[in-house]
């Protein structure tokens, strides 16, 4: 198996992985780390719910339903969450390709921050207490993505457990990404 990964890494499409990361000045590294720490503290104090960034995430989520609606009902339903995660992941990979640590870190951090909002939405699948933004379908009925997804997958009774796991992944990622950034930025400077 390691031969496969070695050949993949040596392919012309992934040659950039052998290039060094661009250096990050110490003042910039410290500034970014302070910003991440402040956001983590803010998110912790708010229990990861209704964070200011969630308004941006919601716009991305809601805009993606119509886009994915062209590909059928299932992708229409999943599309909001898919693109909500795809956008920061694709941007992070773009910054990896450019070998820019701050951009990679920021987009990766936002990717994991999205898990908090998704988990909140998942945990509401049975309770249906959250106010919803969009009307699914043309009849004006409000649909709850995760209620429908979990119902289709016969996972509705486990909504809060799945949400808790997603929330933990989000927190772990949001903590790990700045730590990775600090370690990688220090290596680049040495």
Protein backbone atom coordinates (compact mmCIF):
# COMPACT_ATOMS: atom_id res chain seq x y z
CA UNK A 1 0.00 0.00 0.00
CA UNK A 2 2.85 2.39 0.73
CA UNK A 3 3.99 1.93 -2.89
CA UNK A 4 0.66 3.33 -4.07
CA UNK A 5 1.01 6.42 -1.90
CA UNK A 6 4.59 6.93 -3.00
CA UNK A 7 3.61 6.74 -6.69
CA UNK A 8 0.69 9.08 -6.02
CA UNK A 9 2.95 11.58 -4.29
CA UNK A 10 5.47 11.43 -7.16
CA UNK A 11 2.81 12.08 -9.81
CA UNK A 12 3.09 15.34 -11.69
CA UNK A 13 -0.22 16.50 -10.25
CA UNK A 14 1.06 16.36 -6.69
CA UNK A 15 4.58 17.66 -7.21
CA UNK A 16 3.64 20.75 -5.23
CA UNK A 17 3.61 18.64 -2.04
CA UNK A 18 7.40 18.52 -2.24
CA UNK A 19 7.59 22.31 -2.32
CA UNK A 20 8.17 24.04 1.02
CA UNK A 21 5.44 26.05 2.71
CA UNK A 22 5.82 29.79 2.41
CA UNK A 23 7.22 31.26 5.63
CA UNK A 24 4.93 33.01 8.10
CA UNK A 25 6.42 35.95 10.03
CA UNK A 26 6.37 35.42 13.80
CA UNK A 27 4.08 38.43 14.33
CA UNK A 28 1.56 36.98 11.85
CA UNK A 29 1.69 33.54 13.45
CA UNK A 30 1.06 35.04 16.90
CA UNK A 31 -1.75 37.22 15.55
CA UNK A 32 -3.49 34.28 13.93
CA UNK A 33 -3.09 32.11 17.02
CA UNK A 34 -4.56 34.84 19.23
CA UNK A 35 -7.51 35.17 16.83
CA UNK A 36 -8.12 31.40 16.87
CA UNK A 37 -7.86 31.28 20.67
CA UNK A 38 -10.31 34.20 20.99
CA UNK A 39 -12.78 32.54 18.64
CA UNK A 40 -12.50 29.22 20.46
CA UNK A 41 -13.17 30.97 23.78
CA UNK A 42 -16.13 32.82 22.27
CA UNK A 43 -17.51 29.59 20.74
CA UNK A 44 -17.04 27.73 24.02
CA UNK A 45 -18.86 30.44 25.99
CA UNK A 46 -21.73 30.32 23.49
CA UNK A 47 -21.76 26.50 23.56
CA UNK A 48 -21.03 26.53 19.83
CA UNK A 49 -24.55 27.77 19.04
CA UNK A 50 -25.63 30.91 17.17
CA UNK A 51 -22.10 32.11 16.50
CA UNK A 52 -21.68 35.19 14.32
CA UNK A 53 -20.09 33.11 11.54
CA UNK A 54 -23.20 30.91 11.40
CA UNK A 55 -25.01 33.59 9.36
CA UNK A 56 -22.43 33.15 6.58
CA UNK A 57 -22.62 29.36 6.87
CA UNK A 58 -26.42 29.51 6.66
CA UNK A 59 -26.32 31.57 3.47
CA UNK A 60 -23.97 29.02 1.90
CA UNK A 61 -26.15 26.15 3.12
CA UNK A 62 -29.43 27.61 1.85
CA UNK A 63 -28.02 28.77 -1.49
CA UNK A 64 -26.84 25.26 -2.23
CA UNK A 65 -30.22 23.56 -2.03
CA UNK A 66 -31.44 25.03 -5.33
CA UNK A 67 -28.06 24.35 -6.95
CA UNK A 68 -28.17 20.67 -6.00
CA UNK A 69 -31.90 20.50 -6.74
CA UNK A 70 -31.07 20.00 -10.40
CA UNK A 71 -29.55 16.62 -9.52
CA UNK A 72 -32.58 15.09 -7.87
CA UNK A 73 -34.40 15.07 -4.56
CA UNK A 74 -31.67 13.34 -2.55
CA UNK A 75 -28.91 15.75 -3.58
CA UNK A 76 -31.33 18.64 -3.13
CA UNK A 77 -31.80 17.52 0.46
CA UNK A 78 -28.10 16.87 1.17
CA UNK A 79 -26.81 19.71 -1.00
CA UNK A 80 -26.86 22.41 1.65
CA UNK A 81 -24.62 20.48 4.00
CA UNK A 82 -22.43 19.12 1.20
CA UNK A 83 -21.50 22.51 -0.22
CA UNK A 84 -21.36 24.10 3.23
CA UNK A 85 -18.44 21.72 3.89
CA UNK A 86 -17.11 21.58 0.34
CA UNK A 87 -16.47 25.32 -0.01
CA UNK A 88 -14.02 25.68 2.91
CA UNK A 89 -12.45 22.27 2.11
CA UNK A 90 -11.86 23.23 -1.53
CA UNK A 91 -10.44 26.60 -0.50
CA UNK A 92 -8.16 24.88 2.04
CA UNK A 93 -6.89 22.54 -0.67
CA UNK A 94 -6.30 25.52 -2.95
CA UNK A 95 -4.14 27.13 -0.26
CA UNK A 96 -2.32 23.82 0.24
CA UNK A 97 -1.54 23.89 -3.48
CA UNK A 98 -0.27 27.46 -3.11
CA UNK A 99 1.69 26.38 0.00
CA UNK A 100 0.20 29.20 2.09
CA UNK A 101 -0.17 28.23 5.74
CA UNK A 102 -2.49 31.03 6.96
CA UNK A 103 -5.03 30.43 4.19
CA UNK A 104 -4.91 26.66 4.60
CA UNK A 105 -5.35 27.00 8.35
CA UNK A 106 -8.19 29.53 8.18
CA UNK A 107 -10.22 27.52 5.65
CA UNK A 108 -9.60 24.27 7.56
CA UNK A 109 -10.67 25.97 10.77
CA UNK A 110 -13.90 27.18 9.12
CA UNK A 111 -14.48 23.68 7.72
CA UNK A 112 -14.47 22.28 11.25
CA UNK A 113 -16.43 25.23 12.68
CA UNK A 114 -19.24 24.29 10.29
CA UNK A 115 -19.57 21.01 12.19
CA UNK A 116 -20.91 22.91 15.22
CA UNK A 117 -23.81 24.39 13.28
CA UNK A 118 -24.48 21.14 11.46
CA UNK A 119 -24.53 19.31 14.80
CA UNK A 120 -27.03 21.81 16.20
CA UNK A 121 -29.25 21.23 13.18
CA UNK A 122 -28.84 17.44 13.46
CA UNK A 123 -29.71 17.45 17.17
CA UNK A 124 -32.98 19.20 16.32
CA UNK A 125 -34.12 16.51 13.88
CA UNK A 126 -36.74 15.03 16.23
CA UNK A 127 -37.52 18.10 18.34
CA UNK A 128 -38.04 20.41 15.34
CA UNK A 129 -37.60 23.45 17.58
CA UNK A 130 -35.24 25.48 15.40
CA UNK A 131 -36.73 28.19 13.21
CA UNK A 132 -36.05 27.24 9.60
CA UNK A 133 -35.09 29.65 6.86
CA UNK A 134 -36.30 28.06 3.65
CA UNK A 135 -39.38 26.32 2.46
CA UNK A 136 -38.61 22.93 0.95
CA UNK A 137 -40.75 22.13 -2.02
CA UNK A 138 -43.27 24.42 -3.62
CA UNK A 139 -46.18 23.99 -1.24
CA UNK A 140 -44.82 26.27 1.47
CA UNK A 141 -44.24 23.46 3.97
CA UNK A 142 -41.06 23.96 5.92
CA UNK A 143 -38.79 20.93 5.76
CA UNK A 144 -36.03 20.03 8.16
CA UNK A 145 -33.06 18.58 6.26
CA UNK A 146 -31.78 16.36 9.03
CA UNK A 147 -35.23 15.16 10.06
CA UNK A 148 -35.74 13.96 6.49
CA UNK A 149 -32.20 12.60 6.09
CA UNK A 150 -32.22 10.71 9.38
CA UNK A 151 -35.75 9.44 8.67
CA UNK A 152 -34.68 8.10 5.26
CA UNK A 153 -31.65 6.42 6.83
CA UNK A 154 -33.68 5.07 9.80
CA UNK A 155 -31.39 7.02 12.15
CA UNK A 156 -33.87 9.53 13.54
CA UNK A 157 -33.83 8.04 17.08
CA UNK A 158 -30.05 8.64 17.14
CA UNK A 159 -30.10 12.28 16.08
CA UNK A 160 -28.64 13.66 19.31
CA UNK A 161 -25.96 10.98 19.52
CA UNK A 162 -24.83 11.56 15.96
CA UNK A 163 -24.94 15.31 16.56
CA UNK A 164 -22.77 14.93 19.66
CA UNK A 165 -20.16 13.00 17.66
CA UNK A 166 -20.20 15.62 14.89
CA UNK A 167 -19.88 18.39 17.49
CA UNK A 168 -16.86 16.65 19.08
CA UNK A 169 -15.23 16.28 15.65
CA UNK A 170 -15.79 19.98 15.05
CA UNK A 171 -14.20 20.99 18.36
CA UNK A 172 -11.27 18.60 17.89
CA UNK A 173 -10.65 19.95 14.40
CA UNK A 174 -10.92 23.57 15.53
CA UNK A 175 -8.31 22.90 18.22
CA UNK A 176 -6.03 20.73 16.09
CA UNK A 177 -5.83 23.06 13.09
CA UNK A 178 -4.25 26.05 14.92
CA UNK A 179 -1.88 23.67 16.71
CA UNK A 180 -0.86 22.23 13.34
CA UNK A 181 -0.41 25.78 12.04
CA UNK A 182 1.83 26.75 14.95
CA UNK A 183 3.98 23.65 14.55
CA UNK A 184 4.23 23.92 10.77
CA UNK A 185 4.96 27.68 10.85
CA UNK A 186 7.78 27.10 13.35
CA UNK A 187 9.25 24.34 11.13
CA UNK A 188 9.17 26.61 8.08
CA UNK A 189 11.11 29.33 9.93
CA UNK A 190 13.84 26.92 11.08
